[in-house]
Every structure is written in structure tokens, then in C-alpha cells.
N, C-alpha and C. Protein backbone atom coordinates (compact mmCIF):
# COMPACT_ATOMS: atom_id res chain seq x y z
N MET A 1 114.57 90.87 66.06
CA MET A 1 115.50 91.78 66.70
C MET A 1 115.42 91.57 68.22
N SER A 2 116.55 91.40 68.84
CA SER A 2 116.62 91.13 70.26
C SER A 2 116.93 92.40 71.04
N ASN A 3 116.38 92.48 72.22
CA ASN A 3 116.60 93.63 73.09
C ASN A 3 117.17 93.17 74.42
N ASP A 4 118.04 92.15 74.37
CA ASP A 4 118.59 91.57 75.60
C ASP A 4 119.41 92.55 76.41
N GLY A 5 120.12 93.47 75.77
CA GLY A 5 120.94 94.44 76.49
C GLY A 5 120.12 95.35 77.37
N ALA A 6 118.98 95.79 76.88
CA ALA A 6 118.12 96.68 77.66
C ALA A 6 117.49 95.94 78.82
N GLN A 7 117.15 94.67 78.63
CA GLN A 7 116.52 93.90 79.69
C GLN A 7 117.52 93.59 80.81
N ALA A 8 118.78 93.44 80.48
CA ALA A 8 119.79 93.09 81.46
C ALA A 8 120.29 94.31 82.23
N GLU A 9 119.96 95.50 81.76
CA GLU A 9 120.46 96.70 82.41
C GLU A 9 119.80 96.90 83.77
N LYS A 10 120.62 97.23 84.74
CA LYS A 10 120.15 97.40 86.12
C LYS A 10 119.54 98.78 86.31
N LEU A 11 118.36 98.81 86.91
CA LEU A 11 117.70 100.06 87.27
C LEU A 11 117.83 100.26 88.77
N LEU A 12 118.11 101.48 89.15
CA LEU A 12 118.34 101.82 90.56
C LEU A 12 117.26 102.76 91.06
N THR A 13 116.94 102.66 92.33
CA THR A 13 116.05 103.61 92.97
C THR A 13 116.84 104.86 93.36
N LYS A 14 116.14 105.89 93.76
CA LYS A 14 116.80 107.13 94.18
C LYS A 14 117.71 106.88 95.39
N CYS A 15 117.27 106.07 96.30
CA CYS A 15 118.07 105.75 97.48
C CYS A 15 119.34 104.99 97.09
N GLU A 16 119.23 104.04 96.16
CA GLU A 16 120.40 103.29 95.71
C GLU A 16 121.39 104.20 94.99
N VAL A 17 120.88 105.16 94.23
CA VAL A 17 121.75 106.13 93.55
C VAL A 17 122.53 106.94 94.59
N ALA A 18 121.83 107.41 95.61
CA ALA A 18 122.48 108.19 96.66
C ALA A 18 123.57 107.38 97.36
N GLN A 19 123.27 106.12 97.66
CA GLN A 19 124.26 105.26 98.29
C GLN A 19 125.44 104.99 97.36
N LEU A 20 125.15 104.73 96.12
CA LEU A 20 126.18 104.43 95.13
C LEU A 20 127.17 105.58 94.99
N CYS A 21 126.66 106.80 94.97
CA CYS A 21 127.50 107.98 94.77
C CYS A 21 127.92 108.65 96.06
N ARG A 22 127.48 108.09 97.17
CA ARG A 22 127.80 108.65 98.50
C ARG A 22 127.41 110.11 98.61
N VAL A 23 126.16 110.37 98.24
CA VAL A 23 125.59 111.71 98.36
C VAL A 23 124.24 111.60 99.05
N GLU A 24 123.71 112.73 99.45
CA GLU A 24 122.38 112.77 100.05
C GLU A 24 121.32 112.57 98.96
N ILE A 25 120.16 112.08 99.36
CA ILE A 25 119.05 111.91 98.42
C ILE A 25 118.67 113.25 97.81
N ARG A 26 118.79 114.31 98.58
CA ARG A 26 118.49 115.65 98.04
C ARG A 26 119.40 116.02 96.88
N THR A 27 120.64 115.55 96.92
CA THR A 27 121.56 115.80 95.82
C THR A 27 121.09 115.10 94.56
N VAL A 28 120.59 113.88 94.69
CA VAL A 28 120.03 113.16 93.54
C VAL A 28 118.84 113.95 92.98
N ASP A 29 117.99 114.47 93.86
CA ASP A 29 116.86 115.30 93.42
C ASP A 29 117.36 116.53 92.65
N ARG A 30 118.43 117.14 93.14
CA ARG A 30 118.99 118.32 92.45
C ARG A 30 119.53 117.96 91.08
N TRP A 31 120.21 116.81 90.99
CA TRP A 31 120.73 116.37 89.69
C TRP A 31 119.60 116.17 88.69
N VAL A 32 118.50 115.59 89.16
CA VAL A 32 117.34 115.36 88.28
C VAL A 32 116.74 116.69 87.87
N ALA A 33 116.54 117.60 88.82
CA ALA A 33 115.94 118.91 88.53
C ALA A 33 116.80 119.72 87.57
N ALA A 34 118.12 119.58 87.68
CA ALA A 34 119.04 120.33 86.82
C ALA A 34 119.24 119.65 85.47
N GLY A 35 118.66 118.48 85.29
CA GLY A 35 118.80 117.76 84.04
C GLY A 35 120.14 117.06 83.89
N LYS A 36 120.85 116.89 84.99
CA LYS A 36 122.16 116.24 84.95
C LYS A 36 122.06 114.72 84.98
N LEU A 37 120.91 114.21 85.42
CA LEU A 37 120.72 112.78 85.55
C LEU A 37 119.37 112.40 84.96
N THR A 38 119.39 111.48 84.02
CA THR A 38 118.16 111.03 83.39
C THR A 38 117.47 110.02 84.29
N CYS A 39 116.17 110.18 84.44
CA CYS A 39 115.41 109.23 85.24
C CYS A 39 114.18 108.79 84.46
N TYR A 40 113.61 107.72 84.90
CA TYR A 40 112.40 107.17 84.31
C TYR A 40 111.36 107.07 85.41
N ARG A 41 110.19 107.54 85.12
CA ARG A 41 109.12 107.56 86.13
C ARG A 41 108.15 106.41 85.86
N THR A 42 107.90 105.62 86.90
CA THR A 42 106.94 104.53 86.78
C THR A 42 105.54 105.11 86.84
N PRO A 43 104.52 104.36 86.46
CA PRO A 43 103.14 104.87 86.54
C PRO A 43 102.74 105.32 87.95
N SER A 44 103.37 104.72 88.96
CA SER A 44 103.06 105.10 90.34
C SER A 44 103.81 106.35 90.79
N GLY A 45 104.73 106.87 89.93
CA GLY A 45 105.46 108.09 90.26
C GLY A 45 106.86 107.86 90.79
N ARG A 46 107.24 106.62 90.96
CA ARG A 46 108.57 106.28 91.46
C ARG A 46 109.62 106.57 90.39
N LEU A 47 110.77 107.09 90.81
CA LEU A 47 111.86 107.38 89.88
C LEU A 47 112.84 106.22 89.85
N LEU A 48 113.23 105.83 88.64
CA LEU A 48 114.24 104.80 88.46
C LEU A 48 115.34 105.35 87.56
N PHE A 49 116.56 104.88 87.77
CA PHE A 49 117.72 105.40 87.07
C PHE A 49 118.51 104.24 86.48
N ARG A 50 119.02 104.42 85.25
CA ARG A 50 119.90 103.41 84.67
C ARG A 50 121.26 103.54 85.33
N GLU A 51 121.82 102.41 85.69
CA GLU A 51 123.11 102.39 86.38
C GLU A 51 124.19 103.10 85.55
N ARG A 52 124.18 102.88 84.25
CA ARG A 52 125.17 103.50 83.36
C ARG A 52 125.08 105.03 83.43
N ASP A 53 123.86 105.58 83.43
CA ASP A 53 123.67 107.03 83.52
C ASP A 53 124.19 107.58 84.84
N VAL A 54 123.93 106.83 85.91
CA VAL A 54 124.36 107.27 87.23
C VAL A 54 125.89 107.33 87.31
N LEU A 55 126.56 106.31 86.80
CA LEU A 55 128.01 106.29 86.86
C LEU A 55 128.63 107.42 86.04
N MET A 56 128.03 107.72 84.89
CA MET A 56 128.54 108.82 84.07
C MET A 56 128.33 110.16 84.79
N THR A 57 127.17 110.35 85.41
CA THR A 57 126.88 111.59 86.13
C THR A 57 127.80 111.75 87.33
N ALA A 58 128.01 110.67 88.05
CA ALA A 58 128.91 110.71 89.21
C ALA A 58 130.32 111.07 88.79
N ASP A 59 130.73 110.55 87.66
CA ASP A 59 132.06 110.84 87.15
C ASP A 59 132.19 112.34 86.84
N ARG A 60 131.16 112.90 86.22
CA ARG A 60 131.17 114.33 85.89
C ARG A 60 131.09 115.20 87.15
N ALA A 61 130.43 114.69 88.19
CA ALA A 61 130.26 115.47 89.41
C ALA A 61 131.48 115.39 90.32
N GLY A 62 132.45 114.57 89.95
CA GLY A 62 133.67 114.51 90.74
C GLY A 62 133.70 113.38 91.74
N VAL A 63 132.69 112.52 91.74
CA VAL A 63 132.72 111.35 92.62
C VAL A 63 133.67 110.36 91.97
N ARG A 64 134.65 109.91 92.72
CA ARG A 64 135.65 109.02 92.14
C ARG A 64 135.02 107.70 91.71
N ARG A 65 135.42 107.23 90.54
CA ARG A 65 134.87 105.99 89.98
C ARG A 65 135.15 104.80 90.90
N SER A 66 136.28 104.78 91.60
CA SER A 66 136.58 103.66 92.49
C SER A 66 135.57 103.58 93.63
N GLU A 67 135.15 104.74 94.15
CA GLU A 67 134.14 104.75 95.19
C GLU A 67 132.82 104.22 94.66
N CYS A 68 132.46 104.63 93.45
CA CYS A 68 131.21 104.17 92.86
C CYS A 68 131.27 102.67 92.61
N ALA A 69 132.41 102.17 92.17
CA ALA A 69 132.55 100.74 91.90
C ALA A 69 132.40 99.94 93.20
N THR A 70 132.99 100.44 94.28
CA THR A 70 132.86 99.79 95.58
C THR A 70 131.41 99.78 96.02
N MET A 71 130.75 100.91 95.91
CA MET A 71 129.35 101.00 96.31
C MET A 71 128.46 100.20 95.37
N GLN A 72 128.82 100.11 94.11
CA GLN A 72 128.04 99.36 93.13
C GLN A 72 127.97 97.89 93.55
N ARG A 73 129.08 97.34 94.00
CA ARG A 73 129.09 95.95 94.45
C ARG A 73 128.23 95.78 95.68
N ALA A 74 128.24 96.75 96.58
CA ALA A 74 127.43 96.67 97.80
C ALA A 74 125.94 96.74 97.49
N VAL A 75 125.56 97.57 96.53
CA VAL A 75 124.15 97.71 96.17
C VAL A 75 123.62 96.43 95.55
N ARG A 76 124.44 95.75 94.78
CA ARG A 76 124.01 94.53 94.10
C ARG A 76 123.77 93.37 95.04
N ARG A 77 124.33 93.41 96.23
CA ARG A 77 124.18 92.28 97.17
C ARG A 77 122.81 92.21 97.72
């Protein structure tokens, strides 16, 4: 059984999420605290986010998908 899809999925830092959605880092913290955004904690305590989850949350929060797509390309560079 292959797990290639999970390995290819991009993980973002809290700062990258904030840039992607054009919000403050504190807003990302609020989304996590409210359970609106799923995050994964590394053993060192760092938070990482799946890009797919971030885009879905941004869409629900009213951030236009076109803005996120533009920022998504900038983050990948």
C-alpha cells in the first residue's frame, strides 16, 4: 500500500498560513484555539498545518480563494 499522496502534501508553518490567508499570526492562533483549523504539533512544539486544511478554513472565514491562490504561489517560491 502506497502513501504517496500524504508524503507529497505541503505542510505550512504558522507564519506561512498567516501570509497565505493575509491575516495576523494571532488570527491563526485563534483559529487553532477555536478548533477551526487543524494543526499538527512536532515533538519540539512547532505547529504545522496541511495546506488543504488552511485553504478550506480560509474559504469558510471569508478570505477569497483567489487571494489565497496568489499567496500560495508566493509561499512556494
